[in-house]
């Protein structure tokens, strides 16, 4: 339902308190319905006092509707930034229809005054038709207002507290993301510096290894000597004692004559 955008070009000289709108909306819905019931009863009663009471209630309704508009505008402005996009659209339409109803109650008041001045059945019937149309739009406005409260949580204190906590968490997440980006940048800078230090360590390693080679040489020589002694011990004939040197056979046979066997 698209309606031309209108507004009430009036600013109050004081700040409107919050959470007063629910007080007004009950009277906003009740007064026109009470006026309709009075007018239906007065169709048979036809008492001027009843008609005057109806006019007085419509005068009071103009004041109540103005109060409902400005208090609703204050509450809506307070909660608008915390709403979802869908809820924001609903709230915009709720405000627009409420503006039409403020002008509409003034029109209903004028029709009532004209019907009392003319005092003709057609004038009274016309007023009743206008009043019925106005109440139909009013009930639509009340339904939309209930959805804003119970479905979207507009100006519901627990929902507002949760929404505030959610906003704080979102801000904390943004701060954490920034810190994470800084940490990644620092790690990247350290990673670029690491290969340079690695090459310096590799160039110094051979020098240190070479410097330790002379110290390890005596140990290798001792191990080779031990191995050679072990091999000699294993190849020595069984029964030999340490320090025993057998006499070569050639030397013992040199001093003896060679005997030739005879037959």
C-alpha atoms as a PDB file:
ATOM      1  CA  UNK A   1       0.000   0.000   0.000  1.00  0.00           C
ATOM      2  CA  UNK A   2       1.697   3.146  -1.247  1.00  0.00           C
ATOM      3  CA  UNK A   3       0.605   6.506   0.113  1.00  0.00           C
ATOM      4  CA  UNK A   4       1.937   9.935  -0.793  1.00  0.00           C
ATOM      5  CA  UNK A   5       4.467  11.102   1.767  1.00  0.00           C
ATOM      6  CA  UNK A   6       3.114  13.796   4.093  1.00  0.00           C
ATOM      7  CA  UNK A   7       4.227  15.187   7.419  1.00  0.00           C
ATOM      8  CA  UNK A   8       3.108  17.544  10.172  1.00  0.00           C
ATOM      9  CA  UNK A   9       5.253  20.696   9.913  1.00  0.00           C
ATOM     10  CA  UNK A  10       5.281  21.348  13.615  1.00  0.00           C
ATOM     11  CA  UNK A  11       8.105  21.001  16.125  1.00  0.00           C
ATOM     12  CA  UNK A  12       7.540  21.015  19.837  1.00  0.00           C
ATOM     13  CA  UNK A  13       9.628  23.394  21.963  1.00  0.00           C
ATOM     14  CA  UNK A  14      10.544  20.597  24.406  1.00  0.00           C
ATOM     15  CA  UNK A  15      11.875  17.050  24.263  1.00  0.00           C
ATOM     16  CA  UNK A  16       9.235  14.361  24.198  1.00  0.00           C
ATOM     17  CA  UNK A  17       9.835  11.638  26.823  1.00  0.00           C
ATOM     18  CA  UNK A  18      10.295   8.085  25.620  1.00  0.00           C
ATOM     19  CA  UNK A  19       7.930   5.147  26.157  1.00  0.00           C
ATOM     20  CA  UNK A  20       4.832   7.367  26.493  1.00  0.00           C
ATOM     21  CA  UNK A  21       3.394   6.364  23.121  1.00  0.00           C
ATOM     22  CA  UNK A  22       1.699   3.172  24.473  1.00  0.00           C
ATOM     23  CA  UNK A  23      -0.363   5.334  26.849  1.00  0.00           C
ATOM     24  CA  UNK A  24      -1.790   7.385  24.000  1.00  0.00           C
ATOM     25  CA  UNK A  25      -2.507   4.582  21.561  1.00  0.00           C
ATOM     26  CA  UNK A  26      -5.146   3.009  23.817  1.00  0.00           C
ATOM     27  CA  UNK A  27      -7.203   6.202  23.749  1.00  0.00           C
ATOM     28  CA  UNK A  28      -6.495   6.636  20.041  1.00  0.00           C
ATOM     29  CA  UNK A  29      -8.290   3.360  19.294  1.00  0.00           C
ATOM     30  CA  UNK A  30     -10.981   3.625  21.947  1.00  0.00           C
ATOM     31  CA  UNK A  31     -12.352   7.132  21.369  1.00  0.00           C
ATOM     32  CA  UNK A  32     -13.528   6.753  17.722  1.00  0.00           C
ATOM     33  CA  UNK A  33     -15.160   3.397  18.518  1.00  0.00           C
ATOM     34  CA  UNK A  34     -16.976   4.955  21.489  1.00  0.00           C
ATOM     35  CA  UNK A  35     -18.143   7.807  19.258  1.00  0.00           C
ATOM     36  CA  UNK A  36     -19.484   5.283  16.712  1.00  0.00           C
ATOM     37  CA  UNK A  37     -21.436   3.450  19.427  1.00  0.00           C
ATOM     38  CA  UNK A  38     -22.880   6.737  20.733  1.00  0.00           C
ATOM     39  CA  UNK A  39     -23.964   7.776  17.248  1.00  0.00           C
ATOM     40  CA  UNK A  40     -25.642   4.421  16.600  1.00  0.00           C
ATOM     41  CA  UNK A  41     -27.530   4.690  19.887  1.00  0.00           C
ATOM     42  CA  UNK A  42     -28.531   8.259  19.061  1.00  0.00           C
ATOM     43  CA  UNK A  43     -30.169   7.160  15.807  1.00  0.00           C
ATOM     44  CA  UNK A  44     -33.152   6.092  17.886  1.00  0.00           C
ATOM     45  CA  UNK A  45     -32.709   8.315  20.928  1.00  0.00           C
ATOM     46  CA  UNK A  46     -32.235  11.516  18.900  1.00  0.00           C
ATOM     47  CA  UNK A  47     -31.054  13.500  21.904  1.00  0.00           C
ATOM     48  CA  UNK A  48     -28.950  16.620  21.330  1.00  0.00           C
ATOM     49  CA  UNK A  49     -26.964  15.973  24.530  1.00  0.00           C
ATOM     50  CA  UNK A  50     -25.704  12.672  23.122  1.00  0.00           C
ATOM     51  CA  UNK A  51     -24.644  14.408  19.927  1.00  0.00           C
ATOM     52  CA  UNK A  52     -22.800  17.071  21.934  1.00  0.00           C
ATOM     53  CA  UNK A  53     -20.994  14.322  23.871  1.00  0.00           C
ATOM     54  CA  UNK A  54     -19.895  12.800  20.580  1.00  0.00           C
ATOM     55  CA  UNK A  55     -18.521  16.167  19.439  1.00  0.00           C
ATOM     56  CA  UNK A  56     -16.650  16.624  22.723  1.00  0.00           C
ATOM     57  CA  UNK A  57     -15.011  13.189  22.388  1.00  0.00           C
ATOM     58  CA  UNK A  58     -13.888  14.004  18.859  1.00  0.00           C
ATOM     59  CA  UNK A  59     -12.355  17.251  20.116  1.00  0.00           C
ATOM     60  CA  UNK A  60     -10.482  15.283  22.767  1.00  0.00           C
ATOM     61  CA  UNK A  61      -9.443  12.784  20.092  1.00  0.00           C
ATOM     62  CA  UNK A  62      -7.658  15.528  18.116  1.00  0.00           C
ATOM     63  CA  UNK A  63      -5.449  16.269  21.130  1.00  0.00           C
ATOM     64  CA  UNK A  64      -4.851  12.580  21.803  1.00  0.00           C
ATOM     65  CA  UNK A  65      -3.917  11.892  18.187  1.00  0.00           C
ATOM     66  CA  UNK A  66      -1.421  14.755  18.180  1.00  0.00           C
ATOM     67  CA  UNK A  67       0.140  13.386  21.363  1.00  0.00           C
ATOM     68  CA  UNK A  68       0.281   9.874  19.885  1.00  0.00           C
ATOM     69  CA  UNK A  69       1.986  11.198  16.765  1.00  0.00           C
ATOM     70  CA  UNK A  70       4.774  13.088  18.553  1.00  0.00           C
ATOM     71  CA  UNK A  71       5.393  10.389  21.172  1.00  0.00           C
ATOM     72  CA  UNK A  72       5.444   7.726  18.468  1.00  0.00           C
ATOM     73  CA  UNK A  73       7.868   9.811  16.450  1.00  0.00           C
ATOM     74  CA  UNK A  74      10.197  10.072  19.453  1.00  0.00           C
ATOM     75  CA  UNK A  75      10.054   6.339  20.199  1.00  0.00           C
ATOM     76  CA  UNK A  76      10.491   5.432  16.534  1.00  0.00           C
ATOM     77  CA  UNK A  77      13.517   7.683  16.147  1.00  0.00           C
ATOM     78  CA  UNK A  78      15.081   6.123  19.242  1.00  0.00           C
ATOM     79  CA  UNK A  79      14.590   2.552  18.031  1.00  0.00           C
ATOM     80  CA  UNK A  80      15.086   3.049  14.284  1.00  0.00           C
ATOM     81  CA  UNK A  81      18.846   2.427  14.141  1.00  0.00           C
ATOM     82  CA  UNK A  82      18.482  -0.874  16.028  1.00  0.00           C
ATOM     83  CA  UNK A  83      15.873  -2.389  13.700  1.00  0.00           C
ATOM     84  CA  UNK A  84      16.265  -4.761  10.801  1.00  0.00           C
ATOM     85  CA  UNK A  85      15.678  -3.421   7.266  1.00  0.00           C
ATOM     86  CA  UNK A  86      12.249  -5.037   7.148  1.00  0.00           C
ATOM     87  CA  UNK A  87      11.265  -3.553  10.491  1.00  0.00           C
ATOM     88  CA  UNK A  88      12.474  -0.141   9.363  1.00  0.00           C
ATOM     89  CA  UNK A  89      10.156  -0.258   6.354  1.00  0.00           C
ATOM     90  CA  UNK A  90       7.250  -1.267   8.586  1.00  0.00           C
ATOM     91  CA  UNK A  91       8.009   1.581  10.967  1.00  0.00           C
ATOM     92  CA  UNK A  92       8.162   4.109   8.123  1.00  0.00           C
ATOM     93  CA  UNK A  93       4.737   3.053   6.876  1.00  0.00           C
ATOM     94  CA  UNK A  94       3.380   3.072  10.429  1.00  0.00           C
ATOM     95  CA  UNK A  95       4.495   6.663  10.828  1.00  0.00           C
ATOM     96  CA  UNK A  96       3.058   7.677   7.460  1.00  0.00           C
ATOM     97  CA  UNK A  97      -0.339   6.119   8.162  1.00  0.00           C
ATOM     98  CA  UNK A  98      -0.319   7.706  11.604  1.00  0.00           C
ATOM     99  CA  UNK A  99       0.193  11.095   9.991  1.00  0.00           C
ATOM    100  CA  UNK A 100      -2.836  10.489   7.756  1.00  0.00           C
ATOM    101  CA  UNK A 101      -4.881   9.519  10.809  1.00  0.00           C
ATOM    102  CA  UNK A 102      -4.006  12.783  12.580  1.00  0.00           C
ATOM    103  CA  UNK A 103      -5.376  14.723   9.623  1.00  0.00           C
ATOM    104  CA  UNK A 104      -8.229  12.231   9.325  1.00  0.00           C
ATOM    105  CA  UNK A 105      -9.523  12.759  12.854  1.00  0.00           C
ATOM    106  CA  UNK A 106      -9.714  16.464  12.102  1.00  0.00           C
ATOM    107  CA  UNK A 107     -11.798  15.677   8.995  1.00  0.00           C
ATOM    108  CA  UNK A 108     -14.117  13.469  11.072  1.00  0.00           C
ATOM    109  CA  UNK A 109     -14.533  16.324  13.541  1.00  0.00           C
ATOM    110  CA  UNK A 110     -15.498  18.700  10.699  1.00  0.00           C
ATOM    111  CA  UNK A 111     -18.059  16.236   9.329  1.00  0.00           C
ATOM    112  CA  UNK A 112     -19.580  15.897  12.779  1.00  0.00           C
ATOM    113  CA  UNK A 113     -19.851  19.667  13.155  1.00  0.00           C
ATOM    114  CA  UNK A 114     -21.434  19.941   9.685  1.00  0.00           C
ATOM    115  CA  UNK A 115     -23.969  17.203  10.496  1.00  0.00           C
ATOM    116  CA  UNK A 116     -24.975  18.982  13.719  1.00  0.00           C
ATOM    117  CA  UNK A 117     -25.306  22.277  11.868  1.00  0.00           C
ATOM    118  CA  UNK A 118     -27.321  20.893   8.927  1.00  0.00           C
ATOM    119  CA  UNK A 119     -29.510  18.553  11.007  1.00  0.00           C
ATOM    120  CA  UNK A 120     -30.478  16.369   8.080  1.00  0.00           C
ATOM    121  CA  UNK A 121     -30.477  12.582   7.914  1.00  0.00           C
ATOM    122  CA  UNK A 122     -28.177  12.517   4.882  1.00  0.00           C
ATOM    123  CA  UNK A 123     -25.614  14.708   6.678  1.00  0.00           C
ATOM    124  CA  UNK A 124     -25.649  12.399   9.714  1.00  0.00           C
ATOM    125  CA  UNK A 125     -25.397   9.310   7.490  1.00  0.00           C
ATOM    126  CA  UNK A 126     -22.460  10.818   5.610  1.00  0.00           C
ATOM    127  CA  UNK A 127     -20.705  11.450   8.900  1.00  0.00           C
ATOM    128  CA  UNK A 128     -21.251   7.822   9.939  1.00  0.00           C
ATOM    129  CA  UNK A 129     -19.761   6.537   6.666  1.00  0.00           C
ATOM    130  CA  UNK A 130     -16.683   8.752   7.095  1.00  0.00           C
ATOM    131  CA  UNK A 131     -16.348   7.594  10.691  1.00  0.00           C
ATOM    132  CA  UNK A 132     -16.521   3.924   9.662  1.00  0.00           C
ATOM    133  CA  UNK A 133     -13.823   4.395   7.022  1.00  0.00           C
ATOM    134  CA  UNK A 134     -11.659   6.155   9.543  1.00  0.00           C
ATOM    135  CA  UNK A 135     -12.062   3.344  12.093  1.00  0.00           C
ATOM    136  CA  UNK A 136     -11.101   0.791   9.421  1.00  0.00           C
ATOM    137  CA  UNK A 137      -7.811   2.621   8.789  1.00  0.00           C
ATOM    138  CA  UNK A 138      -7.344   2.980  12.537  1.00  0.00           C
ATOM    139  CA  UNK A 139      -7.636  -0.781  13.119  1.00  0.00           C
ATOM    140  CA  UNK A 140      -5.076  -1.370  10.363  1.00  0.00           C
ATOM    141  CA  UNK A 141      -2.739   1.028  12.147  1.00  0.00           C
ATOM    142  CA  UNK A 142      -3.259  -0.758  15.445  1.00  0.00           C
ATOM    143  CA  UNK A 143      -2.471  -4.125  13.855  1.00  0.00           C
ATOM    144  CA  UNK A 144       0.758  -2.777  12.349  1.00  0.00           C
ATOM    145  CA  UNK A 145       1.758  -1.262  15.680  1.00  0.00           C
ATOM    146  CA  UNK A 146       1.236  -4.594  17.428  1.00  0.00           C
ATOM    147  CA  UNK A 147       3.428  -6.348  14.853  1.00  0.00           C
ATOM    148  CA  UNK A 148       6.183  -3.795  15.399  1.00  0.00           C
ATOM    149  CA  UNK A 149       6.166  -4.554  19.119  1.00  0.00           C
ATOM    150  CA  UNK A 150       5.561  -8.299  19.231  1.00  0.00           C
ATOM    151  CA  UNK A 151       7.237  -9.375  16.006  1.00  0.00           C
ATOM    152  CA  UNK A 152      10.129  -6.930  15.678  1.00  0.00           C
ATOM    153  CA  UNK A 153      10.565  -5.988  19.350  1.00  0.00           C
ATOM    154  CA  UNK A 154      10.404  -2.218  18.838  1.00  0.00           C
ATOM    155  CA  UNK A 155      11.033  -0.447  22.158  1.00  0.00           C
ATOM    156  CA  UNK A 156      10.802  -3.707  24.112  1.00  0.00           C
ATOM    157  CA  UNK A 157      13.394  -3.301  26.865  1.00  0.00           C
ATOM    158  CA  UNK A 158      14.846  -6.866  26.878  1.00  0.00           C
ATOM    159  CA  UNK A 159      15.100  -6.804  23.103  1.00  0.00           C
ATOM    160  CA  UNK A 160      16.753  -3.409  23.223  1.00  0.00           C
ATOM    161  CA  UNK A 161      19.304  -4.660  25.769  1.00  0.00           C
ATOM    162  CA  UNK A 162      20.082  -7.697  23.641  1.00  0.00           C
ATOM    163  CA  UNK A 163      20.409  -5.490  20.588  1.00  0.00           C
ATOM    164  CA  UNK A 164      22.826  -3.223  22.443  1.00  0.00           C
ATOM    165  CA  UNK A 165      24.908  -6.246  23.443  1.00  0.00           C
ATOM    166  CA  UNK A 166      24.877  -7.447  19.843  1.00  0.00           C
ATOM    167  CA  UNK A 167      26.103  -4.062  18.657  1.00  0.00           C
ATOM    168  CA  UNK A 168      28.884  -4.119  21.254  1.00  0.00           C
ATOM    169  CA  UNK A 169      29.920  -7.601  20.096  1.00  0.00           C
ATOM    170  CA  UNK A 170      30.004  -6.429  16.482  1.00  0.00           C
ATOM    171  CA  UNK A 171      32.270  -3.536  17.457  1.00  0.00           C
ATOM    172  CA  UNK A 172      34.524  -5.942  19.365  1.00  0.00           C
ATOM    173  CA  UNK A 173      34.686  -8.207  16.313  1.00  0.00           C
ATOM    174  CA  UNK A 174      35.783  -5.281  14.174  1.00  0.00           C
ATOM    175  CA  UNK A 175      38.550  -4.484  16.662  1.00  0.00           C
ATOM    176  CA  UNK A 176      39.656  -8.120  16.707  1.00  0.00           C
ATOM    177  CA  UNK A 177      39.753  -8.206  12.912  1.00  0.00           C
ATOM    178  CA  UNK A 178      42.013  -5.153  12.878  1.00  0.00           C
ATOM    179  CA  UNK A 179      44.321  -6.725  15.457  1.00  0.00           C
ATOM    180  CA  UNK A 180      44.398  -9.936  13.411  1.00  0.00           C
ATOM    181  CA  UNK A 181      45.411  -8.021  10.297  1.00  0.00           C
ATOM    182  CA  UNK A 182      48.205  -6.312  12.228  1.00  0.00           C
ATOM    183  CA  UNK A 183      49.407  -9.648  13.594  1.00  0.00           C
ATOM    184  CA  UNK A 184      49.439 -11.138  10.089  1.00  0.00           C
ATOM    185  CA  UNK A 185      51.450  -8.180   8.824  1.00  0.00           C
ATOM    186  CA  UNK A 186      53.989  -8.587  11.627  1.00  0.00           C
ATOM    187  CA  UNK A 187      54.289 -12.326  10.964  1.00  0.00           C
ATOM    188  CA  UNK A 188      54.862 -11.613   7.286  1.00  0.00           C
ATOM    189  CA  UNK A 189      57.643  -9.171   8.119  1.00  0.00           C
ATOM    190  CA  UNK A 190      59.307 -11.698  10.430  1.00  0.00           C
ATOM    191  CA  UNK A 191      58.985 -14.403   7.773  1.00  0.00           C
ATOM    192  CA  UNK A 192      60.864 -12.246   5.274  1.00  0.00           C
ATOM    193  CA  UNK A 193      63.666 -11.641   7.760  1.00  0.00           C
ATOM    194  CA  UNK A 194      63.996 -15.359   8.672  1.00  0.00           C
ATOM    195  CA  UNK A 195      65.752 -16.562   5.417  1.00  0.00           C
ATOM    196  CA  UNK A 196      68.481 -13.945   5.849  1.00  0.00           C
ATOM    197  CA  UNK A 197      69.319 -15.176   9.363  1.00  0.00           C
ATOM    198  CA  UNK A 198      69.220 -18.761   8.069  1.00  0.00           C
ATOM    199  CA  UNK A 199      71.878 -18.099   5.413  1.00  0.00           C
ATOM    200  CA  UNK A 200      74.138 -16.502   8.024  1.00  0.00           C
ATOM    201  CA  UNK A 201      73.836 -19.612  10.206  1.00  0.00           C
ATOM    202  CA  UNK A 202      74.679 -21.915   7.269  1.00  0.00           C
ATOM    203  CA  UNK A 203      77.813 -19.982   6.340  1.00  0.00           C
ATOM    204  CA  UNK A 204      79.133 -20.070   9.901  1.00  0.00           C
ATOM    205  CA  UNK A 205      78.415 -23.786  10.377  1.00  0.00           C
ATOM    206  CA  UNK A 206      81.246 -25.216   8.169  1.00  0.00           C
ATOM    207  CA  UNK A 207      83.813 -23.043   9.912  1.00  0.00           C
ATOM    208  CA  UNK A 208      82.813 -24.374  13.287  1.00  0.00           C
ATOM    209  CA  UNK A 209      82.775 -27.951  11.971  1.00  0.00           C
ATOM    210  CA  UNK A 210      86.281 -27.572  10.506  1.00  0.00           C
ATOM    211  CA  UNK A 211      87.593 -26.160  13.732  1.00  0.00           C
ATOM    212  CA  UNK A 212      86.549 -29.316  15.576  1.00  0.00           C
ATOM    213  CA  UNK A 213      88.249 -31.754  13.148  1.00  0.00           C
ATOM    214  CA  UNK A 214      91.807 -31.678  14.661  1.00  0.00           C
ATOM    215  CA  UNK A 215      90.456 -32.521  18.092  1.00  0.00           C
ATOM    216  CA  UNK A 216      88.718 -35.608  16.705  1.00  0.00           C
ATOM    217  CA  UNK A 217      91.802 -36.901  14.809  1.00  0.00           C
ATOM    218  CA  UNK A 218      93.669 -38.482  17.822  1.00  0.00           C
ATOM    219  CA  UNK A 219      90.608 -40.436  18.765  1.00  0.00           C
ATOM    220  CA  UNK A 220      90.382 -41.932  15.273  1.00  0.00           C
ATOM    221  CA  UNK A 221      94.108 -42.863  15.342  1.00  0.00           C
ATOM    222  CA  UNK A 222      93.756 -44.603  18.686  1.00  0.00           C
ATOM    223  CA  UNK A 223      90.796 -46.591  17.423  1.00  0.00           C
ATOM    224  CA  UNK A 224      92.764 -47.744  14.349  1.00  0.00           C
ATOM    225  CA  UNK A 225      95.707 -48.897  16.532  1.00  0.00           C
ATOM    226  CA  UNK A 226      93.352 -50.812  18.786  1.00  0.00           C
ATOM    227  CA  UNK A 227      91.838 -52.531  15.795  1.00  0.00           C
ATOM    228  CA  UNK A 228      95.247 -53.592  14.416  1.00  0.00           C
ATOM    229  CA  UNK A 229      96.273 -55.047  17.793  1.00  0.00           C
ATOM    230  CA  UNK A 230      93.022 -56.985  17.945  1.00  0.00           C
ATOM    231  CA  UNK A 231      93.670 -58.438  14.496  1.00  0.00           C
ATOM    232  CA  UNK A 232      97.173 -59.517  15.474  1.00  0.00           C
ATOM    233  CA  UNK A 233      95.892 -61.194  18.593  1.00  0.00           C
ATOM    234  CA  UNK A 234      93.292 -63.112  16.641  1.00  0.00           C
ATOM    235  CA  UNK A 235      95.826 -64.403  14.030  1.00  0.00           C
ATOM    236  CA  UNK A 236      98.403 -65.610  16.614  1.00  0.00           C
ATOM    237  CA  UNK A 237      98.681 -69.472  16.906  1.00  0.00           C
ATOM    238  CA  UNK A 238      97.038 -71.203  19.806  1.00  0.00           C
ATOM    239  CA  UNK A 239      99.311 -72.059  22.754  1.00  0.00           C
ATOM    240  CA  UNK A 240     101.763 -69.244  22.228  1.00  0.00           C
ATOM    241  CA  UNK A 241     102.619 -67.122  25.187  1.00  0.00           C
ATOM    242  CA  UNK A 242     103.431 -63.506  25.256  1.00  0.00           C
ATOM    243  CA  UNK A 243     107.168 -62.957  24.756  1.00  0.00           C
ATOM    244  CA  UNK A 244     107.804 -66.442  23.238  1.00  0.00           C
ATOM    245  CA  UNK A 245     109.701 -66.396  19.949  1.00  0.00           C
ATOM    246  CA  UNK A 246     110.098 -69.775  18.219  1.00  0.00           C
ATOM    247  CA  UNK A 247     113.483 -70.670  16.782  1.00  0.00           C
ATOM    248  CA  UNK A 248     113.468 -70.889  13.010  1.00  0.00           C
ATOM    249  CA  UNK A 249     113.995 -74.389  11.734  1.00  0.00           C
ATOM    250  CA  UNK A 250     116.540 -73.358   9.183  1.00  0.00           C
ATOM    251  CA  UNK A 251     118.878 -72.054  11.897  1.00  0.00           C
ATOM    252  CA  UNK A 252     118.732 -75.328  13.945  1.00  0.00           C
ATOM    253  CA  UNK A 253     119.501 -77.512  10.970  1.00  0.00           C
ATOM    254  CA  UNK A 254     122.529 -75.543   9.753  1.00  0.00           C
ATOM    255  CA  UNK A 255     125.007 -76.960  12.329  1.00  0.00           C
ATOM    256  CA  UNK A 256     124.068 -80.661  11.926  1.00  0.00           C
ATOM    257  CA  UNK A 257     125.445 -82.964   9.103  1.00  0.00           C
ATOM    258  CA  UNK A 258     123.031 -84.323   6.609  1.00  0.00           C
ATOM    259  CA  UNK A 259     122.698 -88.068   6.911  1.00  0.00           C
ATOM    260  CA  UNK A 260     122.223 -90.053   3.720  1.00  0.00           C
ATOM    261  CA  UNK A 261     120.424 -93.299   4.207  1.00  0.00           C
ATOM    262  CA  UNK A 262     122.210 -96.502   2.986  1.00  0.00           C
ATOM    263  CA  UNK A 263     120.837 -99.803   2.131  1.00  0.00           C
END
